[in-house]
Amino acid sequence: MAKARYLLFPWWLAEVGTSAKSFADNPVIGSPALNRLGLHVGRAKWAATIAALRRRRLRHLVSAEDRAAFARDGFVLKRDFLPAEQFAALRAQALAHSAPAREMRQGDTVTRRLAIDDAALATMPALAAMLGGAVWRGLTRYVWSFDADPDVYIQSILSRVHDDEPDPQTALHADTFHSTVKAWLFLTDVAEDEGPFVYVPGSHRMTARRLAWERRRSIAARELDILSSRGSLRIEEGELSRLGLPHPRSFVVPANTLIVADTSGFHARGPSVRPSTRIEIWAFGRRNPFLPWTGLDPFGVPGIAERRVRWMWAVRDRLAGAGLIGQPWRDVGLRTPAEPVS
């Protein structure tokens, strides 16, 4: 059986040139010997170089002010993002929206997602207008470095709904070794002690200190916590100064604030001291970081883009049913964003 496993070696080797990040699941990516020689650091450096080249071709999509903010911080923040009347309509439509939902439980917290597809947009014209707007489209594309639409959801973070271990997303971490985009348009006010988004400004840059840290982590990754071993490396706040980084920033912001961030930078969900619900329009984009082009997204063409999230859910359900993968996202039927966890 052990010998048969090595028939997968061509696959493991091919994954080096993709977004694959798990040190635990791929013996090539997770090889301490190869990572001592610079495999992981080389992937991170090359991905950052190509992302910068792609962004250069997308710079016309955003203002000079937003480009400077992103270069400095790794995120762009916009308060009062939408005109008040449009935001009020969007918020009312989104909070009333009932649709098939998925939930994932992590520690004492549940994350609920309702996919935004063509059927959902037909019932939420204010959201459709926002997603088609130049600022949203420009920022999500520029930060991601791809001229493509990210996946969009109505997301609810229901904190402290279980008597369990703390939410693991409250630990500072990088999602992966290369640029990705996440965006939050908060539909509710975000309090300091109710799970705010946290980000370490400037931590998206692959500096010499960051790369040295990545190298050390990659060599030991398979001995670290489970999420780090799968490629989402955790970092203690006390380590930040040794990387030349500032303290994390908590985004205590009112509703109608937009944040678009590169989550290869260190970020987390702040702890919540009480049961609370944070609701947002949430977007996520990740592609092969080594692609030199900005477009040519086969899943972004009309007719597919509007349905890809539901197709992804269905494919994962089938693979999980066959025992080939895990499926942490539980089908909970119809839900609204603010509905309590059942």
C-alpha atoms as a PDB file:
ATOM      1  CA  MET A   1       0.000   0.000   0.000  1.00  0.00           C
ATOM      2  CA  ALA A   2       2.840   2.401   0.828  1.00  0.00           C
ATOM      3  CA  LYS A   3       4.440   1.715  -2.558  1.00  0.00           C
ATOM      4  CA  ALA A   4       1.136   2.278  -4.353  1.00  0.00           C
ATOM      5  CA  ARG A   5       0.911   5.675  -2.724  1.00  0.00           C
ATOM      6  CA  TYR A   6       3.981   6.803  -4.616  1.00  0.00           C
ATOM      7  CA  LEU A   7       2.147   6.301  -7.880  1.00  0.00           C
ATOM      8  CA  LEU A   8       0.743   9.715  -6.980  1.00  0.00           C
ATOM      9  CA  PHE A   9       4.191  11.293  -7.234  1.00  0.00           C
ATOM     10  CA  PRO A  10       3.536  12.876 -10.677  1.00  0.00           C
ATOM     11  CA  TRP A  11       0.394  14.477  -9.252  1.00  0.00           C
ATOM     12  CA  TRP A  12       2.226  15.777  -6.171  1.00  0.00           C
ATOM     13  CA  LEU A  13       4.953  17.206  -8.386  1.00  0.00           C
ATOM     14  CA  ALA A  14       2.441  18.868 -10.728  1.00  0.00           C
ATOM     15  CA  GLU A  15       0.751  20.544  -7.755  1.00  0.00           C
ATOM     16  CA  VAL A  16       3.926  22.536  -7.069  1.00  0.00           C
ATOM     17  CA  GLY A  17       2.920  24.721 -10.013  1.00  0.00           C
ATOM     18  CA  THR A  18      -0.594  25.373  -8.678  1.00  0.00           C
ATOM     19  CA  SER A  19      -2.287  26.963  -5.664  1.00  0.00           C
ATOM     20  CA  ALA A  20      -1.924  23.708  -3.681  1.00  0.00           C
ATOM     21  CA  LYS A  21      -0.706  24.626  -0.202  1.00  0.00           C
ATOM     22  CA  SER A  22      -1.012  21.647   2.128  1.00  0.00           C
ATOM     23  CA  PHE A  23       2.269  20.499   3.628  1.00  0.00           C
ATOM     24  CA  ALA A  24       0.472  17.534   5.188  1.00  0.00           C
ATOM     25  CA  ASP A  25      -1.282  16.209   2.086  1.00  0.00           C
ATOM     26  CA  ASN A  26       1.493  16.621  -0.480  1.00  0.00           C
ATOM     27  CA  PRO A  27       4.869  15.040   0.418  1.00  0.00           C
ATOM     28  CA  VAL A  28       6.668  17.195  -2.162  1.00  0.00           C
ATOM     29  CA  ILE A  29       5.252  20.525  -0.965  1.00  0.00           C
ATOM     30  CA  GLY A  30       5.690  19.359   2.625  1.00  0.00           C
ATOM     31  CA  SER A  31       9.196  17.919   2.253  1.00  0.00           C
ATOM     32  CA  PRO A  32      11.470  19.381   4.978  1.00  0.00           C
ATOM     33  CA  ALA A  33      14.524  18.644   2.803  1.00  0.00           C
ATOM     34  CA  LEU A  34      13.113  20.447  -0.230  1.00  0.00           C
ATOM     35  CA  ASN A  35      11.929  23.342   1.865  1.00  0.00           C
ATOM     36  CA  ARG A  36      15.385  23.700   3.419  1.00  0.00           C
ATOM     37  CA  LEU A  37      16.593  24.069  -0.165  1.00  0.00           C
ATOM     38  CA  GLY A  38      13.989  26.784  -0.757  1.00  0.00           C
ATOM     39  CA  LEU A  39      10.995  25.107  -2.423  1.00  0.00           C
ATOM     40  CA  HIS A  40       8.302  26.839  -0.371  1.00  0.00           C
ATOM     41  CA  VAL A  41      10.071  30.208  -0.330  1.00  0.00           C
ATOM     42  CA  GLY A  42      10.671  29.962  -4.068  1.00  0.00           C
ATOM     43  CA  ARG A  43       6.974  29.362  -4.700  1.00  0.00           C
ATOM     44  CA  ALA A  44       6.038  32.341  -2.499  1.00  0.00           C
ATOM     45  CA  LYS A  45       8.547  34.681  -4.174  1.00  0.00           C
ATOM     46  CA  TRP A  46       7.596  33.666  -7.697  1.00  0.00           C
ATOM     47  CA  ALA A  47       3.866  33.954  -6.951  1.00  0.00           C
ATOM     48  CA  ALA A  48       4.376  37.459  -5.538  1.00  0.00           C
ATOM     49  CA  THR A  49       6.372  38.521  -8.596  1.00  0.00           C
ATOM     50  CA  ILE A  50       3.714  37.308 -11.032  1.00  0.00           C
ATOM     51  CA  ALA A  51       0.901  38.878  -8.972  1.00  0.00           C
ATOM     52  CA  ALA A  52       2.685  42.238  -9.119  1.00  0.00           C
ATOM     53  CA  LEU A  53       2.931  41.951 -12.917  1.00  0.00           C
ATOM     54  CA  ARG A  54      -0.769  41.128 -13.201  1.00  0.00           C
ATOM     55  CA  ARG A  55      -1.707  44.065 -10.956  1.00  0.00           C
ATOM     56  CA  ARG A  56       0.319  46.398 -13.128  1.00  0.00           C
ATOM     57  CA  ARG A  57      -1.979  45.489 -16.018  1.00  0.00           C
ATOM     58  CA  LEU A  58      -5.077  46.132 -13.847  1.00  0.00           C
ATOM     59  CA  ARG A  59      -3.961  49.423 -12.295  1.00  0.00           C
ATOM     60  CA  HIS A  60      -6.426  51.401 -14.424  1.00  0.00           C
ATOM     61  CA  LEU A  61      -9.306  49.789 -12.515  1.00  0.00           C
ATOM     62  CA  VAL A  62      -8.604  51.645  -9.243  1.00  0.00           C
ATOM     63  CA  SER A  63      -7.617  55.128  -8.174  1.00  0.00           C
ATOM     64  CA  ALA A  64      -4.052  56.126  -7.371  1.00  0.00           C
ATOM     65  CA  GLU A  65      -5.148  56.631  -3.749  1.00  0.00           C
ATOM     66  CA  ASP A  66      -6.469  53.075  -3.498  1.00  0.00           C
ATOM     67  CA  ARG A  67      -3.361  51.642  -5.166  1.00  0.00           C
ATOM     68  CA  ALA A  68      -1.195  53.442  -2.601  1.00  0.00           C
ATOM     69  CA  ALA A  69      -3.343  52.234   0.302  1.00  0.00           C
ATOM     70  CA  PHE A  70      -3.137  48.655  -0.886  1.00  0.00           C
ATOM     71  CA  ALA A  71       0.621  48.799  -1.461  1.00  0.00           C
ATOM     72  CA  ARG A  72       1.121  50.156   2.043  1.00  0.00           C
ATOM     73  CA  ASP A  73      -1.415  48.129   4.014  1.00  0.00           C
ATOM     74  CA  GLY A  74      -2.544  45.100   2.017  1.00  0.00           C
ATOM     75  CA  PHE A  75      -6.169  46.251   2.189  1.00  0.00           C
ATOM     76  CA  VAL A  76      -8.425  49.087   1.082  1.00  0.00           C
ATOM     77  CA  LEU A  77     -11.106  50.418   3.439  1.00  0.00           C
ATOM     78  CA  LYS A  78     -14.071  52.537   2.369  1.00  0.00           C
ATOM     79  CA  ARG A  79     -16.575  53.856   4.909  1.00  0.00           C
ATOM     80  CA  ASP A  80     -20.018  54.890   3.644  1.00  0.00           C
ATOM     81  CA  PHE A  81     -19.305  52.802   0.589  1.00  0.00           C
ATOM     82  CA  LEU A  82     -22.780  53.047  -0.919  1.00  0.00           C
ATOM     83  CA  PRO A  83     -25.150  56.011  -0.996  1.00  0.00           C
ATOM     84  CA  ALA A  84     -27.397  55.763   2.060  1.00  0.00           C
ATOM     85  CA  GLU A  85     -30.553  54.999   0.077  1.00  0.00           C
ATOM     86  CA  GLN A  86     -28.912  52.220  -1.942  1.00  0.00           C
ATOM     87  CA  PHE A  87     -27.345  50.678   1.155  1.00  0.00           C
ATOM     88  CA  ALA A  88     -30.667  50.716   3.024  1.00  0.00           C
ATOM     89  CA  ALA A  89     -32.314  48.913   0.103  1.00  0.00           C
ATOM     90  CA  LEU A  90     -29.466  46.401  -0.206  1.00  0.00           C
ATOM     91  CA  ARG A  91     -29.492  45.684   3.537  1.00  0.00           C
ATOM     92  CA  ALA A  92     -33.257  45.182   3.646  1.00  0.00           C
ATOM     93  CA  GLN A  93     -33.209  42.894   0.620  1.00  0.00           C
ATOM     94  CA  ALA A  94     -30.269  40.852   1.921  1.00  0.00           C
ATOM     95  CA  LEU A  95     -31.591  40.391   5.458  1.00  0.00           C
ATOM     96  CA  ALA A  96     -34.970  39.268   4.129  1.00  0.00           C
ATOM     97  CA  HIS A  97     -33.402  36.840   1.651  1.00  0.00           C
ATOM     98  CA  SER A  98     -34.210  33.183   2.316  1.00  0.00           C
ATOM     99  CA  ALA A  99     -32.223  30.597   0.360  1.00  0.00           C
ATOM    100  CA  PRO A 100     -30.447  27.231   0.639  1.00  0.00           C
ATOM    101  CA  ALA A 101     -27.648  27.744   3.122  1.00  0.00           C
ATOM    102  CA  ARG A 102     -24.506  26.017   4.287  1.00  0.00           C
ATOM    103  CA  GLU A 103     -23.054  26.203   7.793  1.00  0.00           C
ATOM    104  CA  MET A 104     -19.648  25.312   9.183  1.00  0.00           C
ATOM    105  CA  ARG A 105     -18.977  25.005  12.880  1.00  0.00           C
ATOM    106  CA  GLN A 106     -15.511  25.918  14.170  1.00  0.00           C
ATOM    107  CA  GLY A 107     -15.199  25.812  17.928  1.00  0.00           C
ATOM    108  CA  ASP A 108     -17.901  27.981  19.480  1.00  0.00           C
ATOM    109  CA  THR A 109     -18.708  29.783  16.217  1.00  0.00           C
ATOM    110  CA  VAL A 110     -20.880  28.989  13.203  1.00  0.00           C
ATOM    111  CA  THR A 111     -20.331  30.523   9.771  1.00  0.00           C
ATOM    112  CA  ARG A 112     -23.405  30.556   7.524  1.00  0.00           C
ATOM    113  CA  ARG A 113     -23.282  31.272   3.786  1.00  0.00           C
ATOM    114  CA  LEU A 114     -26.044  31.912   1.277  1.00  0.00           C
ATOM    115  CA  ALA A 115     -24.723  31.814  -2.284  1.00  0.00           C
ATOM    116  CA  ILE A 116     -25.318  34.776  -4.560  1.00  0.00           C
ATOM    117  CA  ASP A 117     -26.396  33.430  -7.936  1.00  0.00           C
ATOM    118  CA  ASP A 118     -28.638  34.643 -10.740  1.00  0.00           C
ATOM    119  CA  ALA A 119     -31.800  33.679  -8.851  1.00  0.00           C
ATOM    120  CA  ALA A 120     -30.653  35.553  -5.748  1.00  0.00           C
ATOM    121  CA  LEU A 121     -29.718  38.665  -7.710  1.00  0.00           C
ATOM    122  CA  ALA A 122     -33.153  38.728  -9.325  1.00  0.00           C
ATOM    123  CA  THR A 123     -34.641  39.270  -5.847  1.00  0.00           C
ATOM    124  CA  MET A 124     -31.945  41.740  -4.720  1.00  0.00           C
ATOM    125  CA  PRO A 125     -31.555  44.440  -7.389  1.00  0.00           C
ATOM    126  CA  ALA A 126     -29.636  46.734  -5.032  1.00  0.00           C
ATOM    127  CA  LEU A 127     -27.009  44.030  -4.548  1.00  0.00           C
ATOM    128  CA  ALA A 128     -26.872  43.357  -8.287  1.00  0.00           C
ATOM    129  CA  ALA A 129     -26.210  47.065  -8.870  1.00  0.00           C
ATOM    130  CA  MET A 130     -23.435  47.115  -6.264  1.00  0.00           C
ATOM    131  CA  LEU A 131     -21.708  44.032  -7.672  1.00  0.00           C
ATOM    132  CA  GLY A 132     -21.831  45.530 -11.140  1.00  0.00           C
ATOM    133  CA  GLY A 133     -20.409  48.845  -9.982  1.00  0.00           C
ATOM    134  CA  ALA A 134     -16.981  50.044 -11.066  1.00  0.00           C
ATOM    135  CA  VAL A 135     -15.536  50.466  -7.550  1.00  0.00           C
ATOM    136  CA  TRP A 136     -16.450  46.974  -6.311  1.00  0.00           C
ATOM    137  CA  ARG A 137     -15.338  45.347  -9.553  1.00  0.00           C
ATOM    138  CA  GLY A 138     -12.120  47.349  -9.725  1.00  0.00           C
ATOM    139  CA  LEU A 139     -11.042  46.789  -6.125  1.00  0.00           C
ATOM    140  CA  THR A 140     -11.759  43.065  -5.997  1.00  0.00           C
ATOM    141  CA  ARG A 141      -9.945  42.521  -9.282  1.00  0.00           C
ATOM    142  CA  TYR A 142      -6.936  44.673  -8.460  1.00  0.00           C
ATOM    143  CA  VAL A 143      -6.355  43.213  -4.990  1.00  0.00           C
ATOM    144  CA  TRP A 144      -6.799  39.692  -6.336  1.00  0.00           C
ATOM    145  CA  SER A 145      -4.666  40.524  -9.407  1.00  0.00           C
ATOM    146  CA  PHE A 146      -7.122  38.733 -11.696  1.00  0.00           C
ATOM    147  CA  ASP A 147      -9.705  40.248 -14.024  1.00  0.00           C
ATOM    148  CA  ALA A 148     -12.451  37.933 -12.804  1.00  0.00           C
ATOM    149  CA  ASP A 149     -15.442  37.938 -10.473  1.00  0.00           C
ATOM    150  CA  PRO A 150     -14.868  36.369  -7.052  1.00  0.00           C
ATOM    151  CA  ASP A 151     -17.475  34.102  -5.484  1.00  0.00           C
ATOM    152  CA  VAL A 152     -20.004  36.155  -3.509  1.00  0.00           C
ATOM    153  CA  TYR A 153     -22.171  35.174  -0.544  1.00  0.00           C
ATOM    154  CA  ILE A 154     -24.287  36.647   2.187  1.00  0.00           C
ATOM    155  CA  GLN A 155     -22.234  35.521   5.165  1.00  0.00           C
ATOM    156  CA  SER A 156     -23.224  35.449   8.816  1.00  0.00           C
ATOM    157  CA  ILE A 157     -20.728  34.922  11.646  1.00  0.00           C
ATOM    158  CA  LEU A 158     -22.656  33.596  14.649  1.00  0.00           C
ATOM    159  CA  SER A 159     -20.226  33.758  17.558  1.00  0.00           C
ATOM    160  CA  ARG A 160     -20.417  32.020  20.923  1.00  0.00           C
ATOM    161  CA  VAL A 161     -23.417  29.919  19.917  1.00  0.00           C
ATOM    162  CA  HIS A 162     -21.896  26.711  21.306  1.00  0.00           C
ATOM    163  CA  ASP A 163     -20.159  25.838  24.550  1.00  0.00           C
ATOM    164  CA  ASP A 164     -16.929  24.708  22.922  1.00  0.00           C
ATOM    165  CA  GLU A 165     -13.296  25.600  22.281  1.00  0.00           C
ATOM    166  CA  PRO A 166     -12.586  29.118  20.964  1.00  0.00           C
ATOM    167  CA  ASP A 167     -13.060  29.796  17.277  1.00  0.00           C
ATOM    168  CA  PRO A 168      -9.744  28.855  15.561  1.00  0.00           C
ATOM    169  CA  GLN A 169     -10.161  31.788  13.179  1.00  0.00           C
ATOM    170  CA  THR A 170      -9.324  34.134  16.084  1.00  0.00           C
ATOM    171  CA  ALA A 171      -5.652  33.116  15.688  1.00  0.00           C
ATOM    172  CA  LEU A 172      -3.593  35.321  13.375  1.00  0.00           C
ATOM    173  CA  HIS A 173      -2.894  33.483  10.139  1.00  0.00           C
ATOM    174  CA  ALA A 174      -2.242  33.773   6.411  1.00  0.00           C
ATOM    175  CA  ASP A 175      -4.712  31.948   4.190  1.00  0.00           C
ATOM    176  CA  THR A 176      -1.996  30.711   1.860  1.00  0.00           C
ATOM    177  CA  PHE A 177       1.413  31.526   0.374  1.00  0.00           C
ATOM    178  CA  HIS A 178       0.113  33.730  -2.460  1.00  0.00           C
ATOM    179  CA  SER A 179      -2.222  36.664  -3.067  1.00  0.00           C
ATOM    180  CA  THR A 180      -5.915  35.987  -2.631  1.00  0.00           C
ATOM    181  CA  VAL A 181      -8.812  38.380  -2.200  1.00  0.00           C
ATOM    182  CA  LYS A 182     -11.548  38.579   0.402  1.00  0.00           C
ATOM    183  CA  ALA A 183     -14.041  41.419   0.636  1.00  0.00           C
ATOM    184  CA  TRP A 184     -16.520  42.401   3.328  1.00  0.00           C
ATOM    185  CA  LEU A 185     -19.365  44.887   2.970  1.00  0.00           C
ATOM    186  CA  PHE A 186     -20.697  44.937   6.511  1.00  0.00           C
ATOM    187  CA  LEU A 187     -24.484  44.994   6.796  1.00  0.00           C
ATOM    188  CA  THR A 188     -24.308  45.362  10.571  1.00  0.00           C
ATOM    189  CA  ASP A 189     -22.215  47.572  12.835  1.00  0.00           C
ATOM    190  CA  VAL A 190     -19.057  45.789  14.036  1.00  0.00           C
ATOM    191  CA  ALA A 191     -18.203  46.235  17.720  1.00  0.00           C
ATOM    192  CA  GLU A 192     -14.739  45.806  19.189  1.00  0.00           C
ATOM    193  CA  ASP A 193     -15.756  42.865  21.372  1.00  0.00           C
ATOM    194  CA  GLU A 194     -18.048  41.136  18.855  1.00  0.00           C
ATOM    195  CA  GLY A 195     -15.720  39.488  16.347  1.00  0.00           C
ATOM    196  CA  PRO A 196     -14.275  42.327  14.253  1.00  0.00           C
ATOM    197  CA  PHE A 197     -12.050  41.660  11.266  1.00  0.00           C
ATOM    198  CA  VAL A 198      -8.371  41.975  12.253  1.00  0.00           C
ATOM    199  CA  TYR A 199      -5.456  42.575   9.876  1.00  0.00           C
ATOM    200  CA  VAL A 200      -1.738  43.246  10.282  1.00  0.00           C
ATOM    201  CA  PRO A 201      -1.001  46.224   8.009  1.00  0.00           C
ATOM    202  CA  GLY A 202       1.753  45.559   5.496  1.00  0.00           C
ATOM    203  CA  SER A 203       1.889  41.827   6.150  1.00  0.00           C
ATOM    204  CA  HIS A 204       0.954  41.022   2.532  1.00  0.00           C
ATOM    205  CA  ARG A 205       4.495  41.859   1.406  1.00  0.00           C
ATOM    206  CA  MET A 206       6.965  38.990   1.016  1.00  0.00           C
ATOM    207  CA  THR A 207       9.882  40.795   2.640  1.00  0.00           C
ATOM    208  CA  ALA A 208      13.183  39.127   3.492  1.00  0.00           C
ATOM    209  CA  ARG A 209      12.048  38.690   7.107  1.00  0.00           C
ATOM    210  CA  ARG A 210       8.686  37.271   6.071  1.00  0.00           C
ATOM    211  CA  LEU A 211      10.341  34.833   3.681  1.00  0.00           C
ATOM    212  CA  ALA A 212      12.778  33.693   6.371  1.00  0.00           C
ATOM    213  CA  TRP A 213       9.808  33.061   8.658  1.00  0.00           C
ATOM    214  CA  GLU A 214       8.019  31.184   5.846  1.00  0.00           C
ATOM    215  CA  ARG A 215      11.110  29.021   5.345  1.00  0.00           C
ATOM    216  CA  ARG A 216      11.306  28.077   9.034  1.00  0.00           C
ATOM    217  CA  ARG A 217       7.613  27.297   9.143  1.00  0.00           C
ATOM    218  CA  SER A 218       7.681  25.251   5.948  1.00  0.00           C
ATOM    219  CA  ILE A 219      10.477  23.027   7.265  1.00  0.00           C
ATOM    220  CA  ALA A 220       8.544  22.275  10.459  1.00  0.00           C
ATOM    221  CA  ALA A 221       5.013  22.564   9.028  1.00  0.00           C
ATOM    222  CA  ARG A 222       4.023  18.919   9.344  1.00  0.00           C
ATOM    223  CA  GLU A 223       4.746  19.101  13.066  1.00  0.00           C
ATOM    224  CA  LEU A 224       2.660  22.240  13.642  1.00  0.00           C
ATOM    225  CA  ASP A 225      -1.060  22.623  14.332  1.00  0.00           C
ATOM    226  CA  ILE A 226      -3.435  21.071  11.823  1.00  0.00           C
ATOM    227  CA  LEU A 227      -4.365  24.304  10.051  1.00  0.00           C
ATOM    228  CA  SER A 228      -0.742  25.359   9.654  1.00  0.00           C
ATOM    229  CA  SER A 229       0.167  21.923   8.341  1.00  0.00           C
ATOM    230  CA  ARG A 230      -2.522  22.352   5.701  1.00  0.00           C
ATOM    231  CA  GLY A 231      -0.945  25.571   4.486  1.00  0.00           C
ATOM    232  CA  SER A 232      -2.690  28.287   6.494  1.00  0.00           C
ATOM    233  CA  LEU A 233       0.271  29.244   8.666  1.00  0.00           C
ATOM    234  CA  ARG A 234      -0.464  30.637  12.133  1.00  0.00           C
ATOM    235  CA  ILE A 235       1.657  33.336  13.783  1.00  0.00           C
ATOM    236  CA  GLU A 236       1.802  34.597  17.363  1.00  0.00           C
ATOM    237  CA  GLU A 237       1.330  38.324  17.863  1.00  0.00           C
ATOM    238  CA  GLY A 238       4.680  38.477  19.668  1.00  0.00           C
ATOM    239  CA  GLU A 239       6.448  37.346  16.475  1.00  0.00           C
ATOM    240  CA  LEU A 240       5.236  40.285  14.401  1.00  0.00           C
ATOM    241  CA  SER A 241       7.854  42.769  15.566  1.00  0.00           C
ATOM    242  CA  ARG A 242      10.632  40.354  14.563  1.00  0.00           C
ATOM    243  CA  LEU A 243       9.198  40.469  11.039  1.00  0.00           C
ATOM    244  CA  GLY A 244       9.177  44.272  11.131  1.00  0.00           C
ATOM    245  CA  LEU A 245       5.380  44.353  11.347  1.00  0.00           C
ATOM    246  CA  PRO A 246       3.069  46.506  13.490  1.00  0.00           C
ATOM    247  CA  HIS A 247       0.369  45.396  15.899  1.00  0.00           C
ATOM    248  CA  PRO A 248      -2.810  44.005  14.328  1.00  0.00           C
ATOM    249  CA  ARG A 249      -5.562  46.473  13.527  1.00  0.00           C
ATOM    250  CA  SER A 250      -9.145  45.681  14.543  1.00  0.00           C
ATOM    251  CA  PHE A 251     -11.801  47.080  12.240  1.00  0.00           C
ATOM    252  CA  VAL A 252     -14.459  48.472  14.543  1.00  0.00           C
ATOM    253  CA  VAL A 253     -16.624  49.980  11.838  1.00  0.00           C
ATOM    254  CA  PRO A 254     -20.226  50.948  11.129  1.00  0.00           C
ATOM    255  CA  ALA A 255     -22.434  49.178   8.642  1.00  0.00           C
ATOM    256  CA  ASN A 256     -21.843  50.195   5.012  1.00  0.00           C
ATOM    257  CA  THR A 257     -18.075  49.855   5.393  1.00  0.00           C
ATOM    258  CA  LEU A 258     -16.214  47.942   2.686  1.00  0.00           C
ATOM    259  CA  ILE A 259     -12.874  46.209   3.236  1.00  0.00           C
ATOM    260  CA  VAL A 260     -11.054  44.460   0.392  1.00  0.00           C
ATOM    261  CA  ALA A 261      -7.918  42.631   1.541  1.00  0.00           C
ATOM    262  CA  ASP A 262      -5.172  40.332   0.342  1.00  0.00           C
ATOM    263  CA  THR A 263      -5.443  37.470   2.797  1.00  0.00           C
ATOM    264  CA  SER A 264      -1.940  36.190   2.225  1.00  0.00           C
ATOM    265  CA  GLY A 265      -1.377  38.893   4.843  1.00  0.00           C
ATOM    266  CA  PHE A 266      -1.861  37.993   8.498  1.00  0.00           C
ATOM    267  CA  HIS A 267      -5.426  38.401   9.655  1.00  0.00           C
ATOM    268  CA  ALA A 268      -7.970  36.921  12.026  1.00  0.00           C
ATOM    269  CA  ARG A 269     -11.447  37.258  13.411  1.00  0.00           C
ATOM    270  CA  GLY A 270     -11.371  39.145  16.701  1.00  0.00           C
ATOM    271  CA  PRO A 271     -12.817  37.354  19.720  1.00  0.00           C
ATOM    272  CA  SER A 272     -16.418  37.893  20.753  1.00  0.00           C
ATOM    273  CA  VAL A 273     -17.140  38.139  24.469  1.00  0.00           C
ATOM    274  CA  ARG A 274     -20.833  37.345  24.046  1.00  0.00           C
ATOM    275  CA  PRO A 275     -23.163  35.665  21.556  1.00  0.00           C
ATOM    276  CA  SER A 276     -23.273  37.963  18.526  1.00  0.00           C
ATOM    277  CA  THR A 277     -24.085  37.974  14.826  1.00  0.00           C
ATOM    278  CA  ARG A 278     -22.048  39.759  12.157  1.00  0.00           C
ATOM    279  CA  ILE A 279     -23.631  39.855   8.687  1.00  0.00           C
ATOM    280  CA  GLU A 280     -21.881  40.915   5.497  1.00  0.00           C
ATOM    281  CA  ILE A 281     -21.734  40.621   1.751  1.00  0.00           C
ATOM    282  CA  TRP A 282     -18.604  38.497   1.514  1.00  0.00           C
ATOM    283  CA  ALA A 283     -16.487  37.647  -1.504  1.00  0.00           C
ATOM    284  CA  PHE A 284     -13.596  35.273  -2.005  1.00  0.00           C
ATOM    285  CA  GLY A 285     -11.257  34.681  -4.930  1.00  0.00           C
ATOM    286  CA  ARG A 286      -8.340  32.281  -5.360  1.00  0.00           C
ATOM    287  CA  ARG A 287      -6.725  31.019  -8.580  1.00  0.00           C
ATOM    288  CA  ASN A 288      -3.487  29.420  -9.645  1.00  0.00           C
ATOM    289  CA  PRO A 289      -0.960  32.107  -8.604  1.00  0.00           C
ATOM    290  CA  PHE A 290       1.491  31.217 -11.354  1.00  0.00           C
ATOM    291  CA  LEU A 291      -0.788  32.149 -14.252  1.00  0.00           C
ATOM    292  CA  PRO A 292       0.725  35.066 -16.198  1.00  0.00           C
ATOM    293  CA  TRP A 293      -2.615  36.271 -17.591  1.00  0.00           C
ATOM    294  CA  THR A 294      -5.291  38.217 -15.733  1.00  0.00           C
ATOM    295  CA  GLY A 295      -8.388  36.777 -17.423  1.00  0.00           C
ATOM    296  CA  LEU A 296      -9.286  33.562 -19.256  1.00  0.00           C
ATOM    297  CA  ASP A 297     -11.316  32.239 -16.320  1.00  0.00           C
ATOM    298  CA  PRO A 298     -13.308  29.236 -17.601  1.00  0.00           C
ATOM    299  CA  PHE A 299     -15.627  29.419 -14.599  1.00  0.00           C
ATOM    300  CA  GLY A 300     -16.316  33.107 -15.140  1.00  0.00           C
ATOM    301  CA  VAL A 301     -18.169  32.940 -18.436  1.00  0.00           C
ATOM    302  CA  PRO A 302     -21.886  33.817 -18.448  1.00  0.00           C
ATOM    303  CA  GLY A 303     -24.032  30.796 -17.731  1.00  0.00           C
ATOM    304  CA  ILE A 304     -21.370  29.212 -15.537  1.00  0.00           C
ATOM    305  CA  ALA A 305     -20.340  32.077 -13.262  1.00  0.00           C
ATOM    306  CA  GLU A 306     -23.858  32.464 -11.863  1.00  0.00           C
ATOM    307  CA  ARG A 307     -24.079  28.781 -10.944  1.00  0.00           C
ATOM    308  CA  ARG A 308     -20.532  27.808  -9.977  1.00  0.00           C
ATOM    309  CA  VAL A 309     -20.988  28.033  -6.197  1.00  0.00           C
ATOM    310  CA  ARG A 310     -23.966  25.680  -6.191  1.00  0.00           C
ATOM    311  CA  TRP A 311     -22.118  23.329  -8.563  1.00  0.00           C
ATOM    312  CA  MET A 312     -19.110  23.400  -6.244  1.00  0.00           C
ATOM    313  CA  TRP A 313     -21.329  22.526  -3.278  1.00  0.00           C
ATOM    314  CA  ALA A 314     -22.881  19.629  -5.222  1.00  0.00           C
ATOM    315  CA  VAL A 315     -19.516  18.252  -6.375  1.00  0.00           C
ATOM    316  CA  ARG A 316     -18.103  18.387  -2.840  1.00  0.00           C
ATOM    317  CA  ASP A 317     -21.203  16.630  -1.514  1.00  0.00           C
ATOM    318  CA  ARG A 318     -20.728  13.793  -4.011  1.00  0.00           C
ATOM    319  CA  LEU A 319     -17.020  13.443  -3.280  1.00  0.00           C
ATOM    320  CA  ALA A 320     -17.704  13.485   0.462  1.00  0.00           C
ATOM    321  CA  GLY A 321     -20.439  10.891   0.024  1.00  0.00           C
ATOM    322  CA  ALA A 322     -17.914   8.660  -1.723  1.00  0.00           C
ATOM    323  CA  GLY A 323     -15.488   9.128   1.170  1.00  0.00           C
ATOM    324  CA  LEU A 324     -12.933  10.925  -0.998  1.00  0.00           C
ATOM    325  CA  ILE A 325     -12.914  14.281   0.836  1.00  0.00           C
ATOM    326  CA  GLY A 326     -14.276  15.858   3.983  1.00  0.00           C
ATOM    327  CA  GLN A 327     -17.229  18.237   3.796  1.00  0.00           C
ATOM    328  CA  PRO A 328     -17.293  20.703   6.698  1.00  0.00           C
ATOM    329  CA  TRP A 329     -20.095  22.758   5.107  1.00  0.00           C
ATOM    330  CA  ARG A 330     -23.396  21.254   6.269  1.00  0.00           C
ATOM    331  CA  ASP A 331     -26.557  21.680   4.203  1.00  0.00           C
ATOM    332  CA  VAL A 332     -29.052  23.306   6.606  1.00  0.00           C
ATOM    333  CA  GLY A 333     -31.872  23.978   4.146  1.00  0.00           C
ATOM    334  CA  LEU A 334     -33.532  27.360   3.759  1.00  0.00           C
ATOM    335  CA  ARG A 335     -32.235  30.077   6.049  1.00  0.00           C
ATOM    336  CA  THR A 336     -32.189  33.848   6.313  1.00  0.00           C
ATOM    337  CA  PRO A 337     -28.933  35.577   7.311  1.00  0.00           C
ATOM    338  CA  ALA A 338     -30.006  36.531  10.848  1.00  0.00           C
ATOM    339  CA  GLU A 339     -31.889  33.337  11.688  1.00  0.00           C
ATOM    340  CA  PRO A 340     -30.626  31.650  14.891  1.00  0.00           C
ATOM    341  CA  VAL A 341     -28.646  28.423  14.635  1.00  0.00           C
ATOM    342  CA  SER A 342     -30.980  25.464  15.023  1.00  0.00           C
END
